[in-house]
PDB file of all heavy atoms in Angstrom:
ATOM      1  N   LEU A   1      -3.562   3.867  18.802  1.00  0.00           N
ATOM      2  CA  LEU A   1      -2.643   2.660  18.646  1.00  0.00           C
ATOM      3  C   LEU A   1      -3.110   1.645  17.631  1.00  0.00           C
ATOM      4  O   LEU A   1      -2.359   1.197  16.803  1.00  0.00           O
ATOM      5  CB  LEU A   1      -2.447   2.017  20.069  1.00  0.00           C
ATOM      6  CG  LEU A   1      -1.446   0.845  20.105  1.00  0.00           C
ATOM      7  CD1 LEU A   1      -0.071   1.512  19.670  1.00  0.00           C
ATOM      8  CD2 LEU A   1      -1.363   0.457  21.553  1.00  0.00           C
ATOM      9  N   ALA A   2      -4.405   1.364  17.705  1.00  0.00           N
ATOM     10  CA  ALA A   2      -5.036   0.330  16.764  1.00  0.00           C
ATOM     11  C   ALA A   2      -5.004   0.943  15.372  1.00  0.00           C
ATOM     12  O   ALA A   2      -4.765   0.229  14.332  1.00  0.00           O
ATOM     13  CB  ALA A   2      -6.413  -0.032  17.133  1.00  0.00           C
ATOM     14  N   ALA A   3      -5.367   2.212  15.303  1.00  0.00           N
ATOM     15  CA  ALA A   3      -5.319   2.974  13.913  1.00  0.00           C
ATOM     16  C   ALA A   3      -3.861   2.822  13.357  1.00  0.00           C
ATOM     17  O   ALA A   3      -3.723   2.647  12.024  1.00  0.00           O
ATOM     18  CB  ALA A   3      -5.773   4.365  14.056  1.00  0.00           C
ATOM     19  N   ALA A   4      -2.865   3.127  14.012  1.00  0.00           N
ATOM     20  CA  ALA A   4      -1.512   3.089  13.546  1.00  0.00           C
ATOM     21  C   ALA A   4      -1.203   1.839  13.038  1.00  0.00           C
ATOM     22  O   ALA A   4      -0.507   1.635  12.004  1.00  0.00           O
ATOM     23  CB  ALA A   4      -0.585   3.604  14.720  1.00  0.00           C
ATOM     24  N   HIS A   5      -1.601   0.712  13.734  1.00  0.00           N
ATOM     25  CA  HIS A   5      -1.242  -0.742  13.384  1.00  0.00           C
ATOM     26  C   HIS A   5      -2.028  -0.871  12.055  1.00  0.00           C
ATOM     27  O   HIS A   5      -1.451  -1.582  11.141  1.00  0.00           O
ATOM     28  CB  HIS A   5      -1.813  -1.663  14.402  1.00  0.00           C
ATOM     29  CG  HIS A   5      -1.643  -3.013  13.991  1.00  0.00           C
ATOM     30  ND1 HIS A   5      -0.405  -3.754  13.929  1.00  0.00           N
ATOM     31  CD2 HIS A   5      -2.536  -4.083  13.766  1.00  0.00           C
ATOM     32  CE1 HIS A   5      -0.553  -4.945  13.577  1.00  0.00           C
ATOM     33  NE2 HIS A   5      -1.916  -5.109  13.306  1.00  0.00           N
ATOM     34  N   THR A   6      -3.229  -0.527  11.913  1.00  0.00           N
ATOM     35  CA  THR A   6      -4.030  -0.757  10.757  1.00  0.00           C
ATOM     36  C   THR A   6      -3.427   0.056   9.608  1.00  0.00           C
ATOM     37  O   THR A   6      -3.423  -0.446   8.392  1.00  0.00           O
ATOM     38  CB  THR A   6      -5.586  -0.439  10.901  1.00  0.00           C
ATOM     39  OG1 THR A   6      -5.995  -1.274  11.946  1.00  0.00           O
ATOM     40  CG2 THR A   6      -6.361  -0.824   9.633  1.00  0.00           C
ATOM     41  N   LEU A   7      -3.014   1.268   9.773  1.00  0.00           N
ATOM     42  CA  LEU A   7      -2.474   2.095   8.744  1.00  0.00           C
ATOM     43  C   LEU A   7      -1.170   1.407   8.228  1.00  0.00           C
ATOM     44  O   LEU A   7      -0.934   1.451   7.091  1.00  0.00           O
ATOM     45  CB  LEU A   7      -2.040   3.494   9.294  1.00  0.00           C
ATOM     46  CG  LEU A   7      -3.176   4.431   9.414  1.00  0.00           C
ATOM     47  CD1 LEU A   7      -2.748   5.658  10.327  1.00  0.00           C
ATOM     48  CD2 LEU A   7      -3.669   4.945   8.037  1.00  0.00           C
ATOM     49  N   GLN A   8      -0.376   0.791   9.177  1.00  0.00           N
ATOM     50  CA  GLN A   8       0.919   0.103   8.736  1.00  0.00           C
ATOM     51  C   GLN A   8       0.467  -1.107   7.819  1.00  0.00           C
ATOM     52  O   GLN A   8       1.074  -1.306   6.798  1.00  0.00           O
ATOM     53  CB  GLN A   8       1.528  -0.326   9.934  1.00  0.00           C
ATOM     54  CG  GLN A   8       2.975  -1.154   9.678  1.00  0.00           C
ATOM     55  CD  GLN A   8       4.042  -0.213   9.187  1.00  0.00           C
ATOM     56  OE1 GLN A   8       4.062   0.916   9.721  1.00  0.00           O
ATOM     57  NE2 GLN A   8       4.829  -0.740   8.392  1.00  0.00           N
ATOM     58  N   LEU A   9      -0.491  -1.860   8.214  1.00  0.00           N
ATOM     59  CA  LEU A   9      -0.994  -2.956   7.386  1.00  0.00           C
ATOM     60  C   LEU A   9      -1.408  -2.604   6.107  1.00  0.00           C
ATOM     61  O   LEU A   9      -1.083  -3.141   5.079  1.00  0.00           O
ATOM     62  CB  LEU A   9      -2.081  -3.802   8.133  1.00  0.00           C
ATOM     63  CG  LEU A   9      -1.615  -4.577   9.389  1.00  0.00           C
ATOM     64  CD1 LEU A   9      -2.973  -5.108  10.022  1.00  0.00           C
ATOM     65  CD2 LEU A   9      -0.679  -5.526   9.145  1.00  0.00           C
ATOM     66  N   LEU A  10      -2.286  -1.506   6.036  1.00  0.00           N
ATOM     67  CA  LEU A  10      -2.707  -0.943   4.716  1.00  0.00           C
ATOM     68  C   LEU A  10      -1.486  -0.490   3.857  1.00  0.00           C
ATOM     69  O   LEU A  10      -1.607  -0.602   2.644  1.00  0.00           O
ATOM     70  CB  LEU A  10      -3.789   0.162   4.965  1.00  0.00           C
ATOM     71  CG  LEU A  10      -5.067  -0.443   5.464  1.00  0.00           C
ATOM     72  CD1 LEU A  10      -5.963   0.662   6.010  1.00  0.00           C
ATOM     73  CD2 LEU A  10      -5.907  -1.195   4.307  1.00  0.00           C
ATOM     74  N   GLY A  11      -0.681   0.197   4.434  1.00  0.00           N
ATOM     75  CA  GLY A  11       0.587   0.633   3.666  1.00  0.00           C
ATOM     76  C   GLY A  11       1.286  -0.435   3.085  1.00  0.00           C
ATOM     77  O   GLY A  11       1.633  -0.311   1.800  1.00  0.00           O
ATOM     78  N   GLU A  12       1.521  -1.505   3.867  1.00  0.00           N
ATOM     79  CA  GLU A  12       2.298  -2.639   3.292  1.00  0.00           C
ATOM     80  C   GLU A  12       1.386  -3.353   2.178  1.00  0.00           C
ATOM     81  O   GLU A  12       1.981  -3.748   1.170  1.00  0.00           O
ATOM     82  CB  GLU A  12       2.474  -3.674   4.447  1.00  0.00           C
ATOM     83  CG  GLU A  12       3.479  -3.199   5.490  1.00  0.00           C
ATOM     84  CD  GLU A  12       3.525  -3.894   6.678  1.00  0.00           C
ATOM     85  OE1 GLU A  12       2.910  -5.013   6.764  1.00  0.00           O
ATOM     86  OE2 GLU A  12       4.424  -3.500   7.625  1.00  0.00           O
ATOM     87  N   GLU A  13       0.169  -3.387   2.338  1.00  0.00           N
ATOM     88  CA  GLU A  13      -0.698  -3.909   1.322  1.00  0.00           C
ATOM     89  C   GLU A  13      -0.759  -3.204   0.029  1.00  0.00           C
ATOM     90  O   GLU A  13      -0.681  -3.625  -1.032  1.00  0.00           O
ATOM     91  CB  GLU A  13      -2.184  -4.158   1.969  1.00  0.00           C
ATOM     92  CG  GLU A  13      -3.138  -4.893   0.941  1.00  0.00           C
ATOM     93  CD  GLU A  13      -4.465  -5.110   1.524  1.00  0.00           C
ATOM     94  OE1 GLU A  13      -4.779  -4.863   2.666  1.00  0.00           O
ATOM     95  OE2 GLU A  13      -5.386  -5.481   0.702  1.00  0.00           O
ATOM     96  N   ALA A  14      -0.784  -1.801   0.191  1.00  0.00           N
ATOM     97  CA  ALA A  14      -0.719  -0.984  -0.978  1.00  0.00           C
ATOM     98  C   ALA A  14       0.567  -1.066  -1.734  1.00  0.00           C
ATOM     99  O   ALA A  14       0.531  -1.254  -2.898  1.00  0.00           O
ATOM    100  CB  ALA A  14      -0.887   0.515  -0.536  1.00  0.00           C
ATOM    101  N   SER A  15       1.663  -1.236  -1.057  1.00  0.00           N
ATOM    102  CA  SER A  15       2.916  -1.480  -1.666  1.00  0.00           C
ATOM    103  C   SER A  15       3.010  -2.773  -2.399  1.00  0.00           C
ATOM    104  O   SER A  15       3.510  -2.912  -3.560  1.00  0.00           O
ATOM    105  CB  SER A  15       3.957  -1.400  -0.686  1.00  0.00           C
ATOM    106  OG  SER A  15       4.142  -0.182  -0.081  1.00  0.00           O
ATOM    107  N   ARG A  16       2.458  -3.883  -1.729  1.00  0.00           N
ATOM    108  CA  ARG A  16       2.400  -5.159  -2.451  1.00  0.00           C
ATOM    109  C   ARG A  16       1.629  -5.110  -3.595  1.00  0.00           C
ATOM    110  O   ARG A  16       1.989  -5.716  -4.728  1.00  0.00           O
ATOM    111  CB  ARG A  16       1.963  -6.208  -1.470  1.00  0.00           C
ATOM    112  CG  ARG A  16       2.941  -6.789  -0.499  1.00  0.00           C
ATOM    113  CD  ARG A  16       2.460  -8.086   0.237  1.00  0.00           C
ATOM    114  NE  ARG A  16       1.233  -7.808   1.027  1.00  0.00           N
ATOM    115  CZ  ARG A  16       1.205  -7.362   2.126  1.00  0.00           C
ATOM    116  NH1 ARG A  16       2.188  -6.898   2.857  1.00  0.00           N
ATOM    117  NH2 ARG A  16      -0.022  -7.237   2.723  1.00  0.00           N
ATOM    118  N   SER A  17       0.384  -4.403  -3.473  1.00  0.00           N
ATOM    119  CA  SER A  17      -0.547  -4.301  -4.744  1.00  0.00           C
ATOM    120  C   SER A  17       0.079  -3.653  -5.787  1.00  0.00           C
ATOM    121  O   SER A  17      -0.265  -3.959  -6.968  1.00  0.00           O
ATOM    122  CB  SER A  17      -1.830  -3.767  -4.214  1.00  0.00           C
ATOM    123  OG  SER A  17      -2.492  -4.442  -3.261  1.00  0.00           O
ATOM    124  N   ALA A  18       0.913  -2.741  -5.549  1.00  0.00           N
ATOM    125  CA  ALA A  18       1.548  -1.965  -6.629  1.00  0.00           C
ATOM    126  C   ALA A  18       2.755  -2.613  -7.243  1.00  0.00           C
ATOM    127  O   ALA A  18       3.288  -2.060  -8.311  1.00  0.00           O
ATOM    128  CB  ALA A  18       1.935  -0.502  -6.082  1.00  0.00           C
ATOM    129  N   ALA A  19       3.370  -3.665  -6.680  1.00  0.00           N
ATOM    130  CA  ALA A  19       4.595  -4.155  -7.035  1.00  0.00           C
ATOM    131  C   ALA A  19       4.586  -4.470  -8.550  1.00  0.00           C
ATOM    132  O   ALA A  19       5.581  -4.247  -9.311  1.00  0.00           O
ATOM    133  CB  ALA A  19       4.872  -5.491  -6.244  1.00  0.00           C
ATOM    134  N   ASN A  20       3.470  -5.062  -9.242  1.00  0.00           N
ATOM    135  CA  ASN A  20       3.539  -5.463 -10.520  1.00  0.00           C
ATOM    136  C   ASN A  20       2.759  -4.502 -11.505  1.00  0.00           C
ATOM    137  O   ASN A  20       2.454  -4.737 -12.646  1.00  0.00           O
ATOM    138  CB  ASN A  20       2.878  -6.879 -10.811  1.00  0.00           C
ATOM    139  CG  ASN A  20       3.754  -7.890  -9.994  1.00  0.00           C
ATOM    140  OD1 ASN A  20       4.985  -7.796 -10.182  1.00  0.00           O
ATOM    141  ND2 ASN A  20       3.178  -8.778  -9.386  1.00  0.00           N
ATOM    142  N   LEU A  21       2.411  -3.276 -10.901  1.00  0.00           N
ATOM    143  CA  LEU A  21       1.721  -2.234 -11.738  1.00  0.00           C
ATOM    144  C   LEU A  21       2.756  -1.195 -12.182  1.00  0.00           C
ATOM    145  O   LEU A  21       3.498  -0.574 -11.406  1.00  0.00           O
ATOM    146  CB  LEU A  21       0.713  -1.586 -10.911  1.00  0.00           C
ATOM    147  CG  LEU A  21      -0.519  -2.487 -10.423  1.00  0.00           C
ATOM    148  CD1 LEU A  21      -1.431  -1.681  -9.459  1.00  0.00           C
ATOM    149  CD2 LEU A  21      -1.224  -3.119 -11.587  1.00  0.00           C
ATOM    150  N   HIS A  22       2.880  -1.031 -13.511  1.00  0.00           N
ATOM    151  CA  HIS A  22       3.922  -0.110 -14.061  1.00  0.00           C
ATOM    152  C   HIS A  22       3.244   0.942 -14.845  1.00  0.00           C
ATOM    153  O   HIS A  22       3.444   1.124 -16.033  1.00  0.00           O
ATOM    154  CB  HIS A  22       4.894  -0.865 -14.800  1.00  0.00           C
ATOM    155  CG  HIS A  22       5.609  -2.032 -14.120  1.00  0.00           C
ATOM    156  ND1 HIS A  22       6.443  -1.854 -13.017  1.00  0.00           N
ATOM    157  CD2 HIS A  22       5.431  -3.267 -14.145  1.00  0.00           C
ATOM    158  CE1 HIS A  22       6.872  -3.083 -12.521  1.00  0.00           C
ATOM    159  NE2 HIS A  22       6.145  -3.931 -13.281  1.00  0.00           N
ATOM    160  N   ASP A  23       2.330   1.621 -14.136  1.00  0.00           N
ATOM    161  CA  ASP A  23       1.563   2.743 -14.919  1.00  0.00           C
ATOM    162  C   ASP A  23       1.213   3.801 -13.852  1.00  0.00           C
ATOM    163  O   ASP A  23       1.826   3.795 -12.602  1.00  0.00           O
ATOM    164  CB  ASP A  23       0.259   2.134 -15.443  1.00  0.00           C
ATOM    165  CG  ASP A  23      -0.628   1.490 -14.349  1.00  0.00           C
ATOM    166  OD1 ASP A  23      -0.331   1.624 -13.140  1.00  0.00           O
ATOM    167  OD2 ASP A  23      -1.616   0.790 -14.781  1.00  0.00           O
ATOM    168  N   GLY A  24       0.480   4.828 -14.217  1.00  0.00           N
ATOM    169  CA  GLY A  24       0.192   5.878 -13.304  1.00  0.00           C
ATOM    170  C   GLY A  24      -0.477   5.464 -12.012  1.00  0.00           C
ATOM    171  O   GLY A  24      -0.234   5.918 -10.875  1.00  0.00           O
ATOM    172  N   PHE A  25      -1.465   4.447 -12.132  1.00  0.00           N
ATOM    173  CA  PHE A  25      -2.079   3.996 -10.985  1.00  0.00           C
ATOM    174  C   PHE A  25      -1.048   3.382 -10.141  1.00  0.00           C
ATOM    175  O   PHE A  25      -1.139   3.518  -8.798  1.00  0.00           O
ATOM    176  CB  PHE A  25      -3.383   3.055 -11.412  1.00  0.00           C
ATOM    177  CG  PHE A  25      -3.973   2.641 -10.194  1.00  0.00           C
ATOM    178  CD1 PHE A  25      -4.916   3.468  -9.471  1.00  0.00           C
ATOM    179  CD2 PHE A  25      -3.906   1.331  -9.726  1.00  0.00           C
ATOM    180  CE1 PHE A  25      -5.697   3.004  -8.390  1.00  0.00           C
ATOM    181  CE2 PHE A  25      -4.643   0.872  -8.528  1.00  0.00           C
ATOM    182  CZ  PHE A  25      -5.387   1.814  -7.993  1.00  0.00           C
ATOM    183  N   GLY A  26      -0.137   2.494 -10.608  1.00  0.00           N
ATOM    184  CA  GLY A  26       0.849   1.841  -9.784  1.00  0.00           C
ATOM    185  C   GLY A  26       1.667   2.792  -8.928  1.00  0.00           C
ATOM    186  O   GLY A  26       1.986   2.628  -7.785  1.00  0.00           O
ATOM    187  N   ASP A  27       2.086   3.877  -9.686  1.00  0.00           N
ATOM    188  CA  ASP A  27       2.938   4.960  -9.050  1.00  0.00           C
ATOM    189  C   ASP A  27       2.118   5.508  -7.920  1.00  0.00           C
ATOM    190  O   ASP A  27       2.677   5.757  -6.867  1.00  0.00           O
ATOM    191  CB  ASP A  27       3.218   6.048 -10.056  1.00  0.00           C
ATOM    192  CG  ASP A  27       4.154   5.614 -11.163  1.00  0.00           C
ATOM    193  OD1 ASP A  27       4.846   4.556 -10.983  1.00  0.00           O
ATOM    194  OD2 ASP A  27       4.206   6.311 -12.227  1.00  0.00           O
ATOM    195  N   GLN A  28       0.843   5.767  -8.113  1.00  0.00           N
ATOM    196  CA  GLN A  28       0.013   6.498  -7.007  1.00  0.00           C
ATOM    197  C   GLN A  28      -0.233   5.418  -5.843  1.00  0.00           C
ATOM    198  O   GLN A  28      -0.287   5.815  -4.750  1.00  0.00           O
ATOM    199  CB  GLN A  28      -1.317   7.075  -7.669  1.00  0.00           C
ATOM    200  CG  GLN A  28      -1.081   8.198  -8.549  1.00  0.00           C
ATOM    201  CD  GLN A  28      -0.341   9.336  -7.832  1.00  0.00           C
ATOM    202  OE1 GLN A  28      -0.541   9.701  -6.687  1.00  0.00           O
ATOM    203  NE2 GLN A  28       0.552   9.829  -8.452  1.00  0.00           N
TER     204      GLN A  28
END
């Protein structure tokens, strides 16, 4: 349960971090 919550937070953080990246790293 705690891992699922943390995975969700990390997924959202990854998406936010990629928002302004328009290259191969941003895609990944």
